[in-house]
Amino acid sequence: MTSSNGPSTPNNAVKNQNNQHFIKHIFELIYCEAGLEATYLRYNVHRAKYINGS
C-alpha cells in the first residue's frame, strides 16, 4: 500500500481538522475552568462580606 505524504492528501486534511477541533475544546475547557474559578472566588468574597455584615 502506497501513501503520499503531503498537505494535499485528504487524510492529512481530516487529521488537521481533528487537531484544530481538539485544540478548540482544550481552550474551551481551560476558559471554562478559569470562569468557574473566578465565579467561585467572587462568591467567596461576596459571602465573606455578607458574613462580616459590610
C-alpha atoms as a PDB file:
ATOM      1  CA  MET A   1       0.000   0.000   0.000  1.00  0.00           C
ATOM      2  CA  THR A   2       1.427   3.342  -1.020  1.00  0.00           C
ATOM      3  CA  SER A   3       0.553   6.597   0.655  1.00  0.00           C
ATOM      4  CA  SER A   4       1.606  10.054  -0.433  1.00  0.00           C
ATOM      5  CA  ASN A   5       2.702  12.367   2.313  1.00  0.00           C
ATOM      6  CA  GLY A   6       1.727  15.980   1.800  1.00  0.00           C
ATOM      7  CA  PRO A   7      -0.792  18.615   2.768  1.00  0.00           C
ATOM      8  CA  SER A   8      -2.834  17.864  -0.354  1.00  0.00           C
ATOM      9  CA  THR A   9      -3.932  14.386   0.799  1.00  0.00           C
ATOM     10  CA  PRO A  10      -7.495  14.243   2.168  1.00  0.00           C
ATOM     11  CA  ASN A  11      -6.326  12.142   5.112  1.00  0.00           C
ATOM     12  CA  ASN A  12      -3.992  14.889   6.296  1.00  0.00           C
ATOM     13  CA  ALA A  13      -6.715  17.488   5.867  1.00  0.00           C
ATOM     14  CA  VAL A  14      -9.055  15.444   8.063  1.00  0.00           C
ATOM     15  CA  LYS A  15      -6.311  14.925  10.642  1.00  0.00           C
ATOM     16  CA  ASN A  16      -5.651  18.666  10.640  1.00  0.00           C
ATOM     17  CA  GLN A  17      -9.328  19.439  11.177  1.00  0.00           C
ATOM     18  CA  ASN A  18      -9.491  16.990  14.075  1.00  0.00           C
ATOM     19  CA  ASN A  19      -6.436  18.584  15.688  1.00  0.00           C
ATOM     20  CA  GLN A  20      -7.963  22.041  15.407  1.00  0.00           C
ATOM     21  CA  HIS A  21     -11.217  20.733  16.862  1.00  0.00           C
ATOM     22  CA  PHE A  22      -9.323  19.099  19.738  1.00  0.00           C
ATOM     23  CA  ILE A  23      -7.315  22.259  20.448  1.00  0.00           C
ATOM     24  CA  LYS A  24     -10.516  24.321  20.388  1.00  0.00           C
ATOM     25  CA  HIS A  25     -12.057  22.027  23.000  1.00  0.00           C
ATOM     26  CA  ILE A  26      -8.969  22.241  25.199  1.00  0.00           C
ATOM     27  CA  PHE A  27      -9.122  26.041  25.064  1.00  0.00           C
ATOM     28  CA  GLU A  28     -12.838  25.956  25.868  1.00  0.00           C
ATOM     29  CA  LEU A  29     -12.159  23.719  28.862  1.00  0.00           C
ATOM     30  CA  ILE A  30      -9.390  25.976  30.144  1.00  0.00           C
ATOM     31  CA  TYR A  31     -11.597  29.027  29.618  1.00  0.00           C
ATOM     32  CA  CYS A  32     -14.490  27.342  31.400  1.00  0.00           C
ATOM     33  CA  GLU A  33     -12.283  26.280  34.329  1.00  0.00           C
ATOM     34  CA  ALA A  34     -10.963  29.834  34.659  1.00  0.00           C
ATOM     35  CA  GLY A  35     -14.512  31.194  34.538  1.00  0.00           C
ATOM     36  CA  LEU A  36     -15.711  28.788  37.226  1.00  0.00           C
ATOM     37  CA  GLU A  37     -12.745  29.658  39.422  1.00  0.00           C
ATOM     38  CA  ALA A  38     -13.412  33.378  39.024  1.00  0.00           C
ATOM     39  CA  THR A  39     -17.091  32.879  39.841  1.00  0.00           C
ATOM     40  CA  TYR A  40     -16.196  30.818  42.904  1.00  0.00           C
ATOM     41  CA  LEU A  41     -13.733  33.470  44.129  1.00  0.00           C
ATOM     42  CA  ARG A  42     -16.322  36.190  43.591  1.00  0.00           C
ATOM     43  CA  TYR A  43     -18.873  34.127  45.503  1.00  0.00           C
ATOM     44  CA  ASN A  44     -16.453  33.639  48.401  1.00  0.00           C
ATOM     45  CA  VAL A  45     -15.699  37.379  48.571  1.00  0.00           C
ATOM     46  CA  HIS A  46     -19.409  38.155  48.470  1.00  0.00           C
ATOM     47  CA  ARG A  47     -20.101  35.604  51.212  1.00  0.00           C
ATOM     48  CA  ALA A  48     -17.280  36.967  53.380  1.00  0.00           C
ATOM     49  CA  LYS A  49     -18.734  40.488  53.056  1.00  0.00           C
ATOM     50  CA  TYR A  50     -22.193  39.182  53.935  1.00  0.00           C
ATOM     51  CA  ILE A  51     -20.905  37.304  56.999  1.00  0.00           C
ATOM     52  CA  ASN A  52     -18.930  40.342  58.167  1.00  0.00           C
ATOM     53  CA  GLY A  53     -22.012  42.479  57.666  1.00  0.00           C
ATOM     54  CA  SER A  54     -20.373  45.091  55.476  1.00  0.00           C
END
